[in-house]
Amino acid sequence: MSGQIKRDVLLRDLRRSLRQLSWNAEQQFAYVDNLGVDVDEIALEFDDLFRIAESMATQGLISADFFARLKSIDSQLSAMTREGAEVWEREKVKNSEEWETLRKLATETLKAANDA
């Protein structure tokens, strides 16, 4: 698979993941409930893609600005994870500042994805 194809696939999948992270709590719950998993699954999906993006950024296949935005989301998710299991509880997903920050970062990064 060529670098361009890998990049295109990664960007497609990142856009999907960013949309999921930017959704409101009810949309996120509907998604994970349909899969039969917990809400942390959307963070795990992003993490898998972030690791690939990290490698592609090193190779110059995605822009440094876009990768920096992805890294800010990764940092937010890491901070949330350090807070413990409570941050992943449905009430926190609905009403916490951490989740609002995450959604804002994801929305902004999704807008920047076209210039990646």
C-alpha atoms as a PDB file:
ATOM      1  CA  MET A   1       0.000   0.000   0.000  1.00  0.00           C
ATOM      2  CA  SER A   2       1.462   3.366  -0.973  1.00  0.00           C
ATOM      3  CA  GLY A   3       2.093   6.155   1.519  1.00  0.00           C
ATOM      4  CA  GLN A   4      -0.660   8.246  -0.060  1.00  0.00           C
ATOM      5  CA  ILE A   5      -3.223   5.464   0.268  1.00  0.00           C
ATOM      6  CA  LYS A   6      -2.202   4.834   3.889  1.00  0.00           C
ATOM      7  CA  ARG A   7      -2.529   8.560   4.564  1.00  0.00           C
ATOM      8  CA  ASP A   8      -5.972   8.727   2.947  1.00  0.00           C
ATOM      9  CA  VAL A   9      -7.209   5.709   4.940  1.00  0.00           C
ATOM     10  CA  LEU A  10      -5.812   7.142   8.170  1.00  0.00           C
ATOM     11  CA  LEU A  11      -7.420  10.541   7.557  1.00  0.00           C
ATOM     12  CA  ARG A  12     -10.768   8.906   6.779  1.00  0.00           C
ATOM     13  CA  ASP A  13     -10.609   6.887   9.983  1.00  0.00           C
ATOM     14  CA  LEU A  14      -9.411   9.861  12.032  1.00  0.00           C
ATOM     15  CA  ARG A  15     -12.308  11.968  10.767  1.00  0.00           C
ATOM     16  CA  ARG A  16     -14.719   9.239  11.862  1.00  0.00           C
ATOM     17  CA  SER A  17     -13.082   9.029  15.279  1.00  0.00           C
ATOM     18  CA  LEU A  18     -13.001  12.811  15.696  1.00  0.00           C
ATOM     19  CA  ARG A  19     -16.699  13.010  14.818  1.00  0.00           C
ATOM     20  CA  GLN A  20     -17.429  10.418  17.516  1.00  0.00           C
ATOM     21  CA  LEU A  21     -15.372  12.331  20.082  1.00  0.00           C
ATOM     22  CA  SER A  22     -17.162  15.566  19.167  1.00  0.00           C
ATOM     23  CA  TRP A  23     -20.673  14.113  19.473  1.00  0.00           C
ATOM     24  CA  ASN A  24     -22.846  15.022  22.414  1.00  0.00           C
ATOM     25  CA  ALA A  25     -23.193  12.461  25.187  1.00  0.00           C
ATOM     26  CA  GLU A  26     -26.447  10.975  23.885  1.00  0.00           C
ATOM     27  CA  GLN A  27     -24.933  10.296  20.459  1.00  0.00           C
ATOM     28  CA  GLN A  28     -21.880   8.762  22.100  1.00  0.00           C
ATOM     29  CA  PHE A  29     -24.040   6.540  24.290  1.00  0.00           C
ATOM     30  CA  ALA A  30     -26.092   5.397  21.288  1.00  0.00           C
ATOM     31  CA  TYR A  31     -22.905   4.480  19.428  1.00  0.00           C
ATOM     32  CA  VAL A  32     -21.306   2.476  22.236  1.00  0.00           C
ATOM     33  CA  ASP A  33     -24.588   0.871  23.281  1.00  0.00           C
ATOM     34  CA  ASN A  34     -25.036  -0.346  19.714  1.00  0.00           C
ATOM     35  CA  LEU A  35     -21.575  -1.923  19.892  1.00  0.00           C
ATOM     36  CA  GLY A  36     -22.212  -3.340  23.363  1.00  0.00           C
ATOM     37  CA  VAL A  37     -19.157  -1.622  24.857  1.00  0.00           C
ATOM     38  CA  ASP A  38     -18.406   1.105  27.382  1.00  0.00           C
ATOM     39  CA  VAL A  39     -17.952   4.752  26.431  1.00  0.00           C
ATOM     40  CA  ASP A  40     -14.199   4.487  26.784  1.00  0.00           C
ATOM     41  CA  GLU A  41     -14.252   2.590  23.490  1.00  0.00           C
ATOM     42  CA  ILE A  42     -14.347   5.868  21.556  1.00  0.00           C
ATOM     43  CA  ALA A  43     -11.160   6.908  23.345  1.00  0.00           C
ATOM     44  CA  LEU A  44      -9.554   3.538  22.607  1.00  0.00           C
ATOM     45  CA  GLU A  45     -10.442   3.822  18.928  1.00  0.00           C
ATOM     46  CA  PHE A  46      -8.853   7.256  18.790  1.00  0.00           C
ATOM     47  CA  ASP A  47      -5.756   5.981  20.599  1.00  0.00           C
ATOM     48  CA  ASP A  48      -5.206   3.266  18.000  1.00  0.00           C
ATOM     49  CA  LEU A  49      -5.381   5.829  15.208  1.00  0.00           C
ATOM     50  CA  PHE A  50      -3.237   8.347  17.080  1.00  0.00           C
ATOM     51  CA  ARG A  51      -0.380   5.832  17.274  1.00  0.00           C
ATOM     52  CA  ILE A  52      -0.500   5.423  13.494  1.00  0.00           C
ATOM     53  CA  ALA A  53      -0.715   9.201  12.993  1.00  0.00           C
ATOM     54  CA  GLU A  54       2.353   9.622  15.174  1.00  0.00           C
ATOM     55  CA  SER A  55       4.345   7.403  12.839  1.00  0.00           C
ATOM     56  CA  MET A  56       2.975   9.130   9.747  1.00  0.00           C
ATOM     57  CA  ALA A  57       3.778  12.571  11.164  1.00  0.00           C
ATOM     58  CA  THR A  58       7.367  11.445  11.668  1.00  0.00           C
ATOM     59  CA  GLN A  59       7.433  10.452   8.007  1.00  0.00           C
ATOM     60  CA  GLY A  60       5.980  13.809   6.940  1.00  0.00           C
ATOM     61  CA  LEU A  61       2.758  12.241   5.647  1.00  0.00           C
ATOM     62  CA  ILE A  62       0.511  14.463   7.771  1.00  0.00           C
ATOM     63  CA  SER A  63       1.092  18.091   8.691  1.00  0.00           C
ATOM     64  CA  ALA A  64       2.799  19.071  11.917  1.00  0.00           C
ATOM     65  CA  ASP A  65      -0.132  21.374  12.777  1.00  0.00           C
ATOM     66  CA  PHE A  66      -2.692  18.613  12.373  1.00  0.00           C
ATOM     67  CA  PHE A  67      -0.580  16.205  14.411  1.00  0.00           C
ATOM     68  CA  ALA A  68      -0.218  18.834  17.164  1.00  0.00           C
ATOM     69  CA  ARG A  69      -4.016  19.053  17.303  1.00  0.00           C
ATOM     70  CA  LEU A  70      -4.271  15.264  17.531  1.00  0.00           C
ATOM     71  CA  LYS A  71      -1.675  15.322  20.275  1.00  0.00           C
ATOM     72  CA  SER A  72      -3.770  17.801  22.285  1.00  0.00           C
ATOM     73  CA  ILE A  73      -6.683  15.348  22.142  1.00  0.00           C
ATOM     74  CA  ASP A  74      -4.402  12.513  23.188  1.00  0.00           C
ATOM     75  CA  SER A  75      -3.165  14.634  26.099  1.00  0.00           C
ATOM     76  CA  GLN A  76      -6.734  15.413  27.149  1.00  0.00           C
ATOM     77  CA  LEU A  77      -7.679  11.741  27.038  1.00  0.00           C
ATOM     78  CA  SER A  78      -4.561  10.820  29.024  1.00  0.00           C
ATOM     79  CA  ALA A  79      -5.419  13.403  31.674  1.00  0.00           C
ATOM     80  CA  MET A  80      -8.968  12.067  31.844  1.00  0.00           C
ATOM     81  CA  THR A  81      -7.694   8.518  32.219  1.00  0.00           C
ATOM     82  CA  ARG A  82      -5.416   9.549  35.096  1.00  0.00           C
ATOM     83  CA  GLU A  83      -8.485  10.879  36.900  1.00  0.00           C
ATOM     84  CA  GLY A  84      -9.783   7.333  37.207  1.00  0.00           C
ATOM     85  CA  ALA A  85     -12.863   5.384  36.235  1.00  0.00           C
ATOM     86  CA  GLU A  86     -15.290   8.074  37.384  1.00  0.00           C
ATOM     87  CA  VAL A  87     -14.609  10.255  34.317  1.00  0.00           C
ATOM     88  CA  TRP A  88     -16.006   7.495  32.080  1.00  0.00           C
ATOM     89  CA  GLU A  89     -19.298   7.214  33.993  1.00  0.00           C
ATOM     90  CA  ARG A  90     -22.333   8.367  32.055  1.00  0.00           C
ATOM     91  CA  GLU A  91     -23.133  11.299  34.313  1.00  0.00           C
ATOM     92  CA  LYS A  92     -19.593  12.646  33.867  1.00  0.00           C
ATOM     93  CA  VAL A  93     -19.735  12.062  30.116  1.00  0.00           C
ATOM     94  CA  LYS A  94     -22.872  14.199  30.039  1.00  0.00           C
ATOM     95  CA  ASN A  95     -21.879  16.992  32.381  1.00  0.00           C
ATOM     96  CA  SER A  96     -18.167  17.244  33.044  1.00  0.00           C
ATOM     97  CA  GLU A  97     -15.836  19.996  31.943  1.00  0.00           C
ATOM     98  CA  GLU A  98     -13.320  17.369  30.821  1.00  0.00           C
ATOM     99  CA  TRP A  99     -15.754  15.965  28.291  1.00  0.00           C
ATOM    100  CA  GLU A 100     -16.738  19.409  27.051  1.00  0.00           C
ATOM    101  CA  THR A 101     -13.075  20.238  26.526  1.00  0.00           C
ATOM    102  CA  LEU A 102     -12.576  16.958  24.677  1.00  0.00           C
ATOM    103  CA  ARG A 103     -15.567  17.618  22.419  1.00  0.00           C
ATOM    104  CA  LYS A 104     -14.319  21.129  21.645  1.00  0.00           C
ATOM    105  CA  LEU A 105     -10.821  19.882  20.802  1.00  0.00           C
ATOM    106  CA  ALA A 106     -12.273  17.154  18.581  1.00  0.00           C
ATOM    107  CA  THR A 107     -14.535  19.612  16.762  1.00  0.00           C
ATOM    108  CA  GLU A 108     -11.665  22.015  16.110  1.00  0.00           C
ATOM    109  CA  THR A 109      -9.391  19.208  14.968  1.00  0.00           C
ATOM    110  CA  LEU A 110     -12.052  17.810  12.663  1.00  0.00           C
ATOM    111  CA  LYS A 111     -12.282  21.199  10.955  1.00  0.00           C
ATOM    112  CA  ALA A 112      -8.504  21.194  10.518  1.00  0.00           C
ATOM    113  CA  ALA A 113      -8.501  17.646   9.077  1.00  0.00           C
ATOM    114  CA  ASN A 114      -9.100  18.974   5.580  1.00  0.00           C
ATOM    115  CA  ASP A 115      -5.737  20.749   5.699  1.00  0.00           C
ATOM    116  CA  ALA A 116      -3.878  17.765   7.141  1.00  0.00           C
END
